[in-house]
């Protein structure tokens, strides 16, 4: 990613896309979480157990960070797909968050 402005635009778009995706899922079925947006972060707060996932951009290293339940994931920008990708699995932001939600609170 070339500039801070490019990163900020990509990070904002990724958070908006993730929130939209999760809200649409809430409308289709009862979900075991509530979404909270605070400035530049999105929190997935689970109804049972009080856990949460926090998704937020890290401007300094130009990554999207996902953390919660003792684990953290640093996603890098992939210019080919134009998405934030977790290098260990190749997952982009939405599938990674979906997987973490289902692993932490299965339906």
PDB file of N, CA and C in Angstrom:
ATOM      1  N   UNK A   1       0.860  -1.158   0.000  1.00  0.00           N
ATOM      2  CA  UNK A   1       0.000   0.000   0.000  1.00  0.00           C
ATOM      3  C   UNK A   1       0.910   1.225   0.000  1.00  0.00           C
ATOM      4  N   UNK A   2       0.611   2.118  -0.887  1.00  0.00           N
ATOM      5  CA  UNK A   2       1.520   3.238  -1.117  1.00  0.00           C
ATOM      6  C   UNK A   2       1.444   4.333  -0.068  1.00  0.00           C
ATOM      7  N   UNK A   3       0.294   4.774   0.325  1.00  0.00           N
ATOM      8  CA  UNK A   3       0.217   5.930   1.210  1.00  0.00           C
ATOM      9  C   UNK A   3      -0.702   5.666   2.396  1.00  0.00           C
ATOM     10  N   UNK A   4      -0.589   6.529   3.399  1.00  0.00           N
ATOM     11  CA  UNK A   4      -1.473   6.433   4.553  1.00  0.00           C
ATOM     12  C   UNK A   4      -2.926   6.642   4.145  1.00  0.00           C
ATOM     13  N   UNK A   5      -3.130   7.558   3.211  1.00  0.00           N
ATOM     14  CA  UNK A   5      -4.493   7.829   2.745  1.00  0.00           C
ATOM     15  C   UNK A   5      -5.077   6.594   2.057  1.00  0.00           C
ATOM     16  N   UNK A   6      -4.274   5.920   1.231  1.00  0.00           N
ATOM     17  CA  UNK A   6      -4.741   4.690   0.584  1.00  0.00           C
ATOM     18  C   UNK A   6      -5.111   3.642   1.634  1.00  0.00           C
ATOM     19  N   UNK A   7      -4.262   3.514   2.662  1.00  0.00           N
ATOM     20  CA  UNK A   7      -4.548   2.555   3.722  1.00  0.00           C
ATOM     21  C   UNK A   7      -5.848   2.911   4.432  1.00  0.00           C
ATOM     22  N   UNK A   8      -6.002   4.173   4.775  1.00  0.00           N
ATOM     23  CA  UNK A   8      -7.192   4.606   5.497  1.00  0.00           C
ATOM     24  C   UNK A   8      -8.468   4.331   4.695  1.00  0.00           C
ATOM     25  N   UNK A   9      -8.419   4.594   3.398  1.00  0.00           N
ATOM     26  CA  UNK A   9      -9.576   4.321   2.538  1.00  0.00           C
ATOM     27  C   UNK A   9      -9.878   2.824   2.483  1.00  0.00           C
ATOM     28  N   UNK A  10      -8.821   2.012   2.326  1.00  0.00           N
ATOM     29  CA  UNK A  10      -9.008   0.561   2.252  1.00  0.00           C
ATOM     30  C   UNK A  10      -9.511   0.010   3.581  1.00  0.00           C
ATOM     31  N   UNK A  11      -8.972   0.498   4.692  1.00  0.00           N
ATOM     32  CA  UNK A  11      -9.388   0.022   6.009  1.00  0.00           C
ATOM     33  C   UNK A  11     -10.839   0.391   6.292  1.00  0.00           C
ATOM     34  N   UNK A  12     -11.217   1.613   5.961  1.00  0.00           N
ATOM     35  CA  UNK A  12     -12.597   2.049   6.171  1.00  0.00           C
ATOM     36  C   UNK A  12     -13.551   1.212   5.331  1.00  0.00           C
ATOM     37  N   UNK A  13     -13.205   0.979   4.079  1.00  0.00           N
ATOM     38  CA  UNK A  13     -14.054   0.166   3.208  1.00  0.00           C
ATOM     39  C   UNK A  13     -14.171  -1.262   3.733  1.00  0.00           C
ATOM     40  N   UNK A  14     -13.076  -1.813   4.249  1.00  0.00           N
ATOM     41  CA  UNK A  14     -13.107  -3.172   4.789  1.00  0.00           C
ATOM     42  C   UNK A  14     -14.009  -3.256   6.018  1.00  0.00           C
ATOM     43  N   UNK A  15     -13.920  -2.278   6.915  1.00  0.00           N
ATOM     44  CA  UNK A  15     -14.776  -2.278   8.109  1.00  0.00           C
ATOM     45  C   UNK A  15     -16.246  -2.105   7.747  1.00  0.00           C
ATOM     46  N   UNK A  16     -16.527  -1.215   6.808  1.00  0.00           N
ATOM     47  CA  UNK A  16     -17.913  -1.008   6.357  1.00  0.00           C
ATOM     48  C   UNK A  16     -18.453  -2.287   5.722  1.00  0.00           C
ATOM     49  N   UNK A  17     -17.644  -2.926   4.885  1.00  0.00           N
ATOM     50  CA  UNK A  17     -18.067  -4.177   4.238  1.00  0.00           C
ATOM     51  C   UNK A  17     -18.304  -5.294   5.241  1.00  0.00           C
ATOM     52  N   UNK A  18     -17.427  -5.399   6.239  1.00  0.00           N
ATOM     53  CA  UNK A  18     -17.596  -6.418   7.274  1.00  0.00           C
ATOM     54  C   UNK A  18     -18.863  -6.154   8.074  1.00  0.00           C
ATOM     55  N   UNK A  19     -19.068  -4.919   8.476  1.00  0.00           N
ATOM     56  CA  UNK A  19     -20.266  -4.584   9.250  1.00  0.00           C
ATOM     57  C   UNK A  19     -21.527  -4.885   8.448  1.00  0.00           C
ATOM     58  N   UNK A  20     -21.553  -4.482   7.188  1.00  0.00           N
ATOM     59  CA  UNK A  20     -22.713  -4.738   6.326  1.00  0.00           C
ATOM     60  C   UNK A  20     -22.982  -6.238   6.232  1.00  0.00           C
ATOM     61  N   UNK A  21     -21.930  -7.005   6.033  1.00  0.00           N
ATOM     62  CA  UNK A  21     -22.067  -8.457   5.916  1.00  0.00           C
ATOM     63  C   UNK A  21     -22.645  -9.059   7.200  1.00  0.00           C
ATOM     64  N   UNK A  22     -22.128  -8.640   8.346  1.00  0.00           N
ATOM     65  CA  UNK A  22     -22.601  -9.185   9.611  1.00  0.00           C
ATOM     66  C   UNK A  22     -24.023  -8.740   9.930  1.00  0.00           C
ATOM     67  N   UNK A  23     -24.369  -7.498   9.601  1.00  0.00           N
ATOM     68  CA  UNK A  23     -25.734  -7.008   9.825  1.00  0.00           C
ATOM     69  C   UNK A  23     -26.717  -7.780   8.956  1.00  0.00           C
ATOM     70  N   UNK A  24     -26.367  -8.041   7.704  1.00  0.00           N
ATOM     71  CA  UNK A  24     -27.241  -8.819   6.829  1.00  0.00           C
ATOM     72  C   UNK A  24     -27.449 -10.222   7.393  1.00  0.00           C
ATOM     73  N   UNK A  25     -26.394 -10.803   7.964  1.00  0.00           N
ATOM     74  CA  UNK A  25     -26.514 -12.116   8.589  1.00  0.00           C
ATOM     75  C   UNK A  25     -27.425 -12.081   9.794  1.00  0.00           C
ATOM     76  N   UNK A  26     -27.385 -10.977  10.554  1.00  0.00           N
ATOM     77  CA  UNK A  26     -28.273 -10.830  11.710  1.00  0.00           C
ATOM     78  C   UNK A  26     -29.730 -10.809  11.281  1.00  0.00           C
ATOM     79  N   UNK A  27     -30.001 -10.169  10.155  1.00  0.00           N
ATOM     80  CA  UNK A  27     -31.373 -10.067   9.678  1.00  0.00           C
ATOM     81  C   UNK A  27     -31.903 -11.405   9.194  1.00  0.00           C
ATOM     82  N   UNK A  28     -31.025 -12.245   8.662  1.00  0.00           N
ATOM     83  CA  UNK A  28     -31.446 -13.542   8.135  1.00  0.00           C
ATOM     84  C   UNK A  28     -31.706 -14.563   9.244  1.00  0.00           C
ATOM     85  N   UNK A  29     -30.950 -14.460  10.328  1.00  0.00           N
ATOM     86  CA  UNK A  29     -31.091 -15.423  11.417  1.00  0.00           C
ATOM     87  C   UNK A  29     -30.637 -14.773  12.716  1.00  0.00           C
ATOM     88  N   UNK A  30     -31.075 -15.342  13.823  1.00  0.00           N
ATOM     89  CA  UNK A  30     -30.624 -14.801  15.108  1.00  0.00           C
ATOM     90  C   UNK A  30     -29.139 -15.096  15.263  1.00  0.00           C
ATOM     91  N   UNK A  31     -28.385 -14.082  15.547  1.00  0.00           N
ATOM     92  CA  UNK A  31     -26.953 -14.252  15.721  1.00  0.00           C
ATOM     93  C   UNK A  31     -26.597 -14.141  17.196  1.00  0.00           C
ATOM     94  N   UNK A  32     -25.548 -14.838  17.613  1.00  0.00           N
ATOM     95  CA  UNK A  32     -25.181 -14.843  19.032  1.00  0.00           C
ATOM     96  C   UNK A  32     -24.304 -13.658  19.433  1.00  0.00           C
ATOM     97  N   UNK A  33     -24.440 -12.537  18.742  1.00  0.00           N
ATOM     98  CA  UNK A  33     -23.581 -11.397  19.040  1.00  0.00           C
ATOM     99  C   UNK A  33     -24.282 -10.079  18.738  1.00  0.00           C
ATOM    100  N   UNK A  34     -23.679  -9.022  19.261  1.00  0.00           N
ATOM    101  CA  UNK A  34     -24.119  -7.660  18.994  1.00  0.00           C
ATOM    102  C   UNK A  34     -22.922  -6.919  18.401  1.00  0.00           C
ATOM    103  N   UNK A  35     -23.193  -6.028  17.486  1.00  0.00           N
ATOM    104  CA  UNK A  35     -22.119  -5.229  16.878  1.00  0.00           C
ATOM    105  C   UNK A  35     -22.062  -3.862  17.525  1.00  0.00           C
ATOM    106  N   UNK A  36     -20.845  -3.416  17.808  1.00  0.00           N
ATOM    107  CA  UNK A  36     -20.634  -2.073  18.334  1.00  0.00           C
ATOM    108  C   UNK A  36     -19.519  -1.425  17.527  1.00  0.00           C
ATOM    109  N   UNK A  37     -19.785  -0.225  17.083  1.00  0.00           N
ATOM    110  CA  UNK A  37     -18.757   0.497  16.338  1.00  0.00           C
ATOM    111  C   UNK A  37     -18.255   1.642  17.199  1.00  0.00           C
ATOM    112  N   UNK A  38     -16.936   1.732  17.323  1.00  0.00           N
ATOM    113  CA  UNK A  38     -16.309   2.813  18.066  1.00  0.00           C
ATOM    114  C   UNK A  38     -15.203   3.398  17.205  1.00  0.00           C
ATOM    115  N   UNK A  39     -15.355   4.650  16.867  1.00  0.00           N
ATOM    116  CA  UNK A  39     -14.397   5.352  16.016  1.00  0.00           C
ATOM    117  C   UNK A  39     -13.922   4.462  14.871  1.00  0.00           C
ATOM    118  N   UNK A  40     -12.678   3.980  14.937  1.00  0.00           N
ATOM    119  CA  UNK A  40     -12.121   3.193  13.832  1.00  0.00           C
ATOM    120  C   UNK A  40     -12.104   1.699  14.109  1.00  0.00           C
ATOM    121  N   UNK A  41     -12.984   1.213  14.972  1.00  0.00           N
ATOM    122  CA  UNK A  41     -12.998  -0.219  15.250  1.00  0.00           C
ATOM    123  C   UNK A  41     -14.422  -0.753  15.226  1.00  0.00           C
ATOM    124  N   UNK A  42     -14.515  -2.039  15.021  1.00  0.00           N
ATOM    125  CA  UNK A  42     -15.789  -2.742  15.061  1.00  0.00           C
ATOM    126  C   UNK A  42     -15.633  -3.854  16.084  1.00  0.00           C
ATOM    127  N   UNK A  43     -16.573  -3.920  17.025  1.00  0.00           N
ATOM    128  CA  UNK A  43     -16.539  -4.960  18.048  1.00  0.00           C
ATOM    129  C   UNK A  43     -17.697  -5.913  17.843  1.00  0.00           C
ATOM    130  N   UNK A  44     -17.390  -7.191  17.929  1.00  0.00           N
ATOM    131  CA  UNK A  44     -18.397  -8.246  17.910  1.00  0.00           C
ATOM    132  C   UNK A  44     -18.481  -8.738  19.347  1.00  0.00           C
ATOM    133  N   UNK A  45     -19.568  -8.392  20.038  1.00  0.00           N
ATOM    134  CA  UNK A  45     -19.738  -8.729  21.449  1.00  0.00           C
ATOM    135  C   UNK A  45     -20.696  -9.908  21.542  1.00  0.00           C
ATOM    136  N   UNK A  46     -20.221 -11.012  22.109  1.00  0.00           N
ATOM    137  CA  UNK A  46     -21.020 -12.230  22.183  1.00  0.00           C
ATOM    138  C   UNK A  46     -22.006 -12.180  23.340  1.00  0.00           C
ATOM    139  N   UNK A  47     -23.214 -12.672  23.099  1.00  0.00           N
ATOM    140  CA  UNK A  47     -24.263 -12.676  24.113  1.00  0.00           C
ATOM    141  C   UNK A  47     -23.920 -13.621  25.254  1.00  0.00           C
ATOM    142  N   UNK A  48     -23.373 -14.775  24.940  1.00  0.00           N
ATOM    143  CA  UNK A  48     -23.020 -15.759  25.964  1.00  0.00           C
ATOM    144  C   UNK A  48     -21.526 -15.687  26.245  1.00  0.00           C
ATOM    145  N   UNK A  49     -21.177 -15.667  27.508  1.00  0.00           N
ATOM    146  CA  UNK A  49     -19.777 -15.734  27.888  1.00  0.00           C
ATOM    147  C   UNK A  49     -19.063 -14.394  27.935  1.00  0.00           C
ATOM    148  N   UNK A  50     -19.691 -13.350  27.432  1.00  0.00           N
ATOM    149  CA  UNK A  50     -19.104 -12.021  27.518  1.00  0.00           C
ATOM    150  C   UNK A  50     -17.869 -11.782  26.680  1.00  0.00           C
ATOM    151  N   UNK A  51     -17.539 -12.675  25.773  1.00  0.00           N
ATOM    152  CA  UNK A  51     -16.364 -12.480  24.938  1.00  0.00           C
ATOM    153  C   UNK A  51     -16.607 -11.466  23.837  1.00  0.00           C
ATOM    154  N   UNK A  52     -15.532 -11.087  23.191  1.00  0.00           N
ATOM    155  CA  UNK A  52     -15.657 -10.151  22.081  1.00  0.00           C
ATOM    156  C   UNK A  52     -14.491 -10.321  21.119  1.00  0.00           C
ATOM    157  N   UNK A  53     -14.755  -9.934  19.881  1.00  0.00           N
ATOM    158  CA  UNK A  53     -13.712  -9.789  18.868  1.00  0.00           C
ATOM    159  C   UNK A  53     -13.625  -8.308  18.547  1.00  0.00           C
ATOM    160  N   UNK A  54     -12.426  -7.818  18.382  1.00  0.00           N
ATOM    161  CA  UNK A  54     -12.226  -6.428  18.008  1.00  0.00           C
ATOM    162  C   UNK A  54     -11.498  -6.413  16.668  1.00  0.00           C
ATOM    163  N   UNK A  55     -12.064  -5.671  15.727  1.00  0.00           N
ATOM    164  CA  UNK A  55     -11.462  -5.530  14.400  1.00  0.00           C
ATOM    165  C   UNK A  55     -11.108  -4.059  14.243  1.00  0.00           C
ATOM    166  N   UNK A  56      -9.815  -3.797  14.000  1.00  0.00           N
ATOM    167  CA  UNK A  56      -9.392  -2.406  13.885  1.00  0.00           C
ATOM    168  C   UNK A  56      -8.154  -2.280  13.012  1.00  0.00           C
ATOM    169  N   UNK A  57      -8.066  -1.173  12.304  1.00  0.00           N
ATOM    170  CA  UNK A  57      -6.867  -0.942  11.502  1.00  0.00           C
ATOM    171  C   UNK A  57      -5.708  -0.500  12.388  1.00  0.00           C
ATOM    172  N   UNK A  58      -4.508  -0.904  11.999  1.00  0.00           N
ATOM    173  CA  UNK A  58      -3.294  -0.414  12.655  1.00  0.00           C
ATOM    174  C   UNK A  58      -2.544   0.403  11.621  1.00  0.00           C
ATOM    175  N   UNK A  59      -2.678   1.703  11.727  1.00  0.00           N
ATOM    176  CA  UNK A  59      -2.115   2.640  10.751  1.00  0.00           C
ATOM    177  C   UNK A  59      -0.599   2.498  10.644  1.00  0.00           C
ATOM    178  N   UNK A  60       0.070   2.315  11.771  1.00  0.00           N
ATOM    179  CA  UNK A  60       1.531   2.292  11.799  1.00  0.00           C
ATOM    180  C   UNK A  60       2.111   1.210  10.896  1.00  0.00           C
ATOM    181  N   UNK A  61       1.558   0.007  10.979  1.00  0.00           N
ATOM    182  CA  UNK A  61       2.079  -1.106  10.180  1.00  0.00           C
ATOM    183  C   UNK A  61       1.214  -1.415   8.965  1.00  0.00           C
ATOM    184  N   UNK A  62       0.147  -0.633   8.798  1.00  0.00           N
ATOM    185  CA  UNK A  62      -0.786  -0.777   7.673  1.00  0.00           C
ATOM    186  C   UNK A  62      -1.331  -2.192   7.555  1.00  0.00           C
ATOM    187  N   UNK A  63      -1.903  -2.630   8.670  1.00  0.00           N
ATOM    188  CA  UNK A  63      -2.549  -3.933   8.750  1.00  0.00           C
ATOM    189  C   UNK A  63      -3.925  -3.767   9.378  1.00  0.00           C
ATOM    190  N   UNK A  64      -4.764  -4.754   9.165  1.00  0.00           N
ATOM    191  CA  UNK A  64      -6.039  -4.848   9.857  1.00  0.00           C
ATOM    192  C   UNK A  64      -5.836  -5.900  10.937  1.00  0.00           C
ATOM    193  N   UNK A  65      -6.159  -5.557  12.171  1.00  0.00           N
ATOM    194  CA  UNK A  65      -5.971  -6.476  13.292  1.00  0.00           C
ATOM    195  C   UNK A  65      -7.313  -6.982  13.791  1.00  0.00           C
ATOM    196  N   UNK A  66      -7.354  -8.277  14.060  1.00  0.00           N
ATOM    197  CA  UNK A  66      -8.519  -8.915  14.653  1.00  0.00           C
ATOM    198  C   UNK A  66      -8.026  -9.576  15.931  1.00  0.00           C
ATOM    199  N   UNK A  67      -8.668  -9.268  17.057  1.00  0.00           N
ATOM    200  CA  UNK A  67      -8.217  -9.864  18.313  1.00  0.00           C
ATOM    201  C   UNK A  67      -9.404 -10.224  19.185  1.00  0.00           C
ATOM    202  N   UNK A  68      -9.167 -11.220  20.020  1.00  0.00           N
ATOM    203  CA  UNK A  68     -10.188 -11.662  20.960  1.00  0.00           C
ATOM    204  C   UNK A  68      -9.915 -13.062  21.430  1.00  0.00           C
ATOM    205  N   UNK A  69     -10.361 -13.349  22.660  1.00  0.00           N
ATOM    206  CA  UNK A  69     -10.216 -14.691  23.234  1.00  0.00           C
ATOM    207  C   UNK A  69      -8.766 -15.176  23.208  1.00  0.00           C
ATOM    208  N   UNK A  70      -7.839 -14.284  23.489  1.00  0.00           N
ATOM    209  CA  UNK A  70      -6.439 -14.671  23.592  1.00  0.00           C
ATOM    210  C   UNK A  70      -5.715 -14.892  22.279  1.00  0.00           C
ATOM    211  N   UNK A  71      -6.330 -14.550  21.186  1.00  0.00           N
ATOM    212  CA  UNK A  71      -5.685 -14.719  19.880  1.00  0.00           C
ATOM    213  C   UNK A  71      -5.715 -13.400  19.126  1.00  0.00           C
ATOM    214  N   UNK A  72      -4.727 -13.220  18.282  1.00  0.00           N
ATOM    215  CA  UNK A  72      -4.744 -12.031  17.430  1.00  0.00           C
ATOM    216  C   UNK A  72      -4.275 -12.405  16.033  1.00  0.00           C
ATOM    217  N   UNK A  73      -4.794 -11.676  15.078  1.00  0.00           N
ATOM    218  CA  UNK A  73      -4.527 -11.936  13.666  1.00  0.00           C
ATOM    219  C   UNK A  73      -4.183 -10.607  13.011  1.00  0.00           C
ATOM    220  N   UNK A  74      -3.056 -10.567  12.330  1.00  0.00           N
ATOM    221  CA  UNK A  74      -2.649  -9.352  11.623  1.00  0.00           C
ATOM    222  C   UNK A  74      -2.785  -9.608  10.130  1.00  0.00           C
ATOM    223  N   UNK A  75      -3.729  -8.916   9.520  1.00  0.00           N
ATOM    224  CA  UNK A  75      -4.011  -9.114   8.105  1.00  0.00           C
ATOM    225  C   UNK A  75      -3.285  -8.064   7.274  1.00  0.00           C
ATOM    226  N   UNK A  76      -2.628  -8.517   6.236  1.00  0.00           N
ATOM    227  CA  UNK A  76      -1.898  -7.640   5.321  1.00  0.00           C
ATOM    228  C   UNK A  76      -2.755  -7.311   4.112  1.00  0.00           C
ATOM    229  N   UNK A  77      -2.493  -6.172   3.519  1.00  0.00           N
ATOM    230  CA  UNK A  77      -3.194  -5.773   2.309  1.00  0.00           C
ATOM    231  C   UNK A  77      -2.636  -6.556   1.126  1.00  0.00           C
ATOM    232  N   UNK A  78      -3.525  -7.166   0.353  1.00  0.00           N
ATOM    233  CA  UNK A  78      -3.146  -7.880  -0.861  1.00  0.00           C
ATOM    234  C   UNK A  78      -3.601  -7.046  -2.050  1.00  0.00           C
ATOM    235  N   UNK A  79      -2.663  -6.461  -2.746  1.00  0.00           N
ATOM    236  CA  UNK A  79      -3.015  -5.564  -3.854  1.00  0.00           C
ATOM    237  C   UNK A  79      -3.631  -6.314  -5.031  1.00  0.00           C
ATOM    238  N   UNK A  80      -3.368  -7.607  -5.139  1.00  0.00           N
ATOM    239  CA  UNK A  80      -3.939  -8.396  -6.227  1.00  0.00           C
ATOM    240  C   UNK A  80      -5.449  -8.556  -6.045  1.00  0.00           C
ATOM    241  N   UNK A  81      -5.869  -8.908  -4.834  1.00  0.00           N
ATOM    242  CA  UNK A  81      -7.295  -9.115  -4.567  1.00  0.00           C
ATOM    243  C   UNK A  81      -7.973  -7.867  -4.006  1.00  0.00           C
ATOM    244  N   UNK A  82      -7.146  -6.900  -3.597  1.00  0.00           N
ATOM    245  CA  UNK A  82      -7.630  -5.668  -2.961  1.00  0.00           C
ATOM    246  C   UNK A  82      -8.446  -5.971  -1.709  1.00  0.00           C
ATOM    247  N   UNK A  83      -7.878  -6.859  -0.879  1.00  0.00           N
ATOM    248  CA  UNK A  83      -8.493  -7.241   0.390  1.00  0.00           C
ATOM    249  C   UNK A  83      -7.398  -7.430   1.428  1.00  0.00           C
ATOM    250  N   UNK A  84      -7.793  -7.348   2.695  1.00  0.00           N
ATOM    251  CA  UNK A  84      -6.879  -7.673   3.780  1.00  0.00           C
ATOM    252  C   UNK A  84      -6.893  -9.186   3.963  1.00  0.00           C
ATOM    253  N   UNK A  85      -5.706  -9.796   3.982  1.00  0.00           N
ATOM    254  CA  UNK A  85      -5.546 -11.247   4.000  1.00  0.00           C
ATOM    255  C   UNK A  85      -4.699 -11.662   5.199  1.00  0.00           C
ATOM    256  N   UNK A  86      -5.117 -12.734   5.886  1.00  0.00           N
ATOM    257  CA  UNK A  86      -4.279 -13.308   6.938  1.00  0.00           C
ATOM    258  C   UNK A  86      -3.316 -14.273   6.255  1.00  0.00           C
ATOM    259  N   UNK A  87      -2.015 -13.973   6.274  1.00  0.00           N
ATOM    260  CA  UNK A  87      -1.045 -14.761   5.507  1.00  0.00           C
ATOM    261  C   UNK A  87      -1.002 -16.250   5.857  1.00  0.00           C
ATOM    262  N   UNK A  88      -1.239 -16.614   7.109  1.00  0.00           N
ATOM    263  CA  UNK A  88      -1.136 -18.027   7.503  1.00  0.00           C
ATOM    264  C   UNK A  88      -2.163 -18.914   6.822  1.00  0.00           C
ATOM    265  N   UNK A  89      -3.372 -18.382   6.603  1.00  0.00           N
ATOM    266  CA  UNK A  89      -4.425 -19.218   6.026  1.00  0.00           C
ATOM    267  C   UNK A  89      -4.871 -18.762   4.642  1.00  0.00           C
ATOM    268  N   UNK A  90      -4.537 -17.527   4.284  1.00  0.00           N
ATOM    269  CA  UNK A  90      -5.013 -16.976   3.021  1.00  0.00           C
ATOM    270  C   UNK A  90      -6.427 -16.438   3.104  1.00  0.00           C
ATOM    271  N   UNK A  91      -7.038 -16.473   4.303  1.00  0.00           N
ATOM    272  CA  UNK A  91      -8.410 -15.971   4.469  1.00  0.00           C
ATOM    273  C   UNK A  91      -8.418 -14.447   4.423  1.00  0.00           C
ATOM    274  N   UNK A  92      -9.464 -13.910   3.798  1.00  0.00           N
ATOM    275  CA  UNK A  92      -9.627 -12.462   3.885  1.00  0.00           C
ATOM    276  C   UNK A  92     -10.467 -12.149   5.118  1.00  0.00           C
ATOM    277  N   UNK A  93     -10.698 -10.880   5.365  1.00  0.00           N
ATOM    278  CA  UNK A  93     -11.296 -10.418   6.615  1.00  0.00           C
ATOM    279  C   UNK A  93     -12.648 -11.058   6.926  1.00  0.00           C
ATOM    280  N   UNK A  94     -13.571 -11.058   5.985  1.00  0.00           N
ATOM    281  CA  UNK A  94     -14.919 -11.562   6.271  1.00  0.00           C
ATOM    282  C   UNK A  94     -14.915 -13.056   6.600  1.00  0.00           C
ATOM    283  N   UNK A  95     -14.313 -13.927   5.786  1.00  0.00           N
ATOM    284  CA  UNK A  95     -14.307 -15.349   6.162  1.00  0.00           C
ATOM    285  C   UNK A  95     -13.579 -15.618   7.483  1.00  0.00           C
ATOM    286  N   UNK A  96     -12.510 -14.872   7.759  1.00  0.00           N
ATOM    287  CA  UNK A  96     -11.793 -15.054   9.020  1.00  0.00           C
ATOM    288  C   UNK A  96     -12.692 -14.713  10.205  1.00  0.00           C
ATOM    289  N   UNK A  97     -13.353 -13.570  10.154  1.00  0.00           N
ATOM    290  CA  UNK A  97     -14.238 -13.171  11.253  1.00  0.00           C
ATOM    291  C   UNK A  97     -15.405 -14.151  11.387  1.00  0.00           C
ATOM    292  N   UNK A  98     -15.975 -14.580  10.283  1.00  0.00           N
ATOM    293  CA  UNK A  98     -17.057 -15.575  10.347  1.00  0.00           C
ATOM    294  C   UNK A  98     -16.586 -16.856  11.035  1.00  0.00           C
ATOM    295  N   UNK A  99     -15.395 -17.306  10.683  1.00  0.00           N
ATOM    296  CA  UNK A  99     -14.848 -18.525  11.284  1.00  0.00           C
ATOM    297  C   UNK A  99     -14.628 -18.330  12.786  1.00  0.00           C
ATOM    298  N   UNK A 100     -14.081 -17.184  13.159  1.00  0.00           N
ATOM    299  CA  UNK A 100     -13.835 -16.929  14.580  1.00  0.00           C
ATOM    300  C   UNK A 100     -15.139 -16.862  15.367  1.00  0.00           C
ATOM    301  N   UNK A 101     -16.166 -16.270  14.783  1.00  0.00           N
ATOM    302  CA  UNK A 101     -17.476 -16.220  15.428  1.00  0.00           C
ATOM    303  C   UNK A 101     -18.007 -17.633  15.627  1.00  0.00           C
ATOM    304  N   UNK A 102     -17.953 -18.456  14.586  1.00  0.00           N
ATOM    305  CA  UNK A 102     -18.514 -19.811  14.699  1.00  0.00           C
ATOM    306  C   UNK A 102     -17.680 -20.689  15.631  1.00  0.00           C
ATOM    307  N   UNK A 103     -16.367 -20.482  15.688  1.00  0.00           N
ATOM    308  CA  UNK A 103     -15.532 -21.271  16.598  1.00  0.00           C
ATOM    309  C   UNK A 103     -15.764 -20.861  18.046  1.00  0.00           C
ATOM    310  N   UNK A 104     -15.984 -19.602  18.288  1.00  0.00           N
ATOM    311  CA  UNK A 104     -16.168 -19.125  19.658  1.00  0.00           C
ATOM    312  C   UNK A 104     -17.585 -19.322  20.165  1.00  0.00           C
ATOM    313  N   UNK A 105     -18.540 -19.271  19.272  1.00  0.00           N
ATOM    314  CA  UNK A 105     -19.952 -19.407  19.666  1.00  0.00           C
ATOM    315  C   UNK A 105     -20.720 -20.152  18.577  1.00  0.00           C
ATOM    316  N   UNK A 106     -20.565 -21.475  18.525  1.00  0.00           N
ATOM    317  CA  UNK A 106     -21.291 -22.229  17.505  1.00  0.00           C
ATOM    318  C   UNK A 106     -22.789 -22.114  17.687  1.00  0.00           C
ATOM    319  N   UNK A 107     -23.491 -22.197  16.593  1.00  0.00           N
ATOM    320  CA  UNK A 107     -24.969 -22.069  16.612  1.00  0.00           C
ATOM    321  C   UNK A 107     -25.607 -23.249  17.299  1.00  0.00           C
TER     322      UNK A 107
END
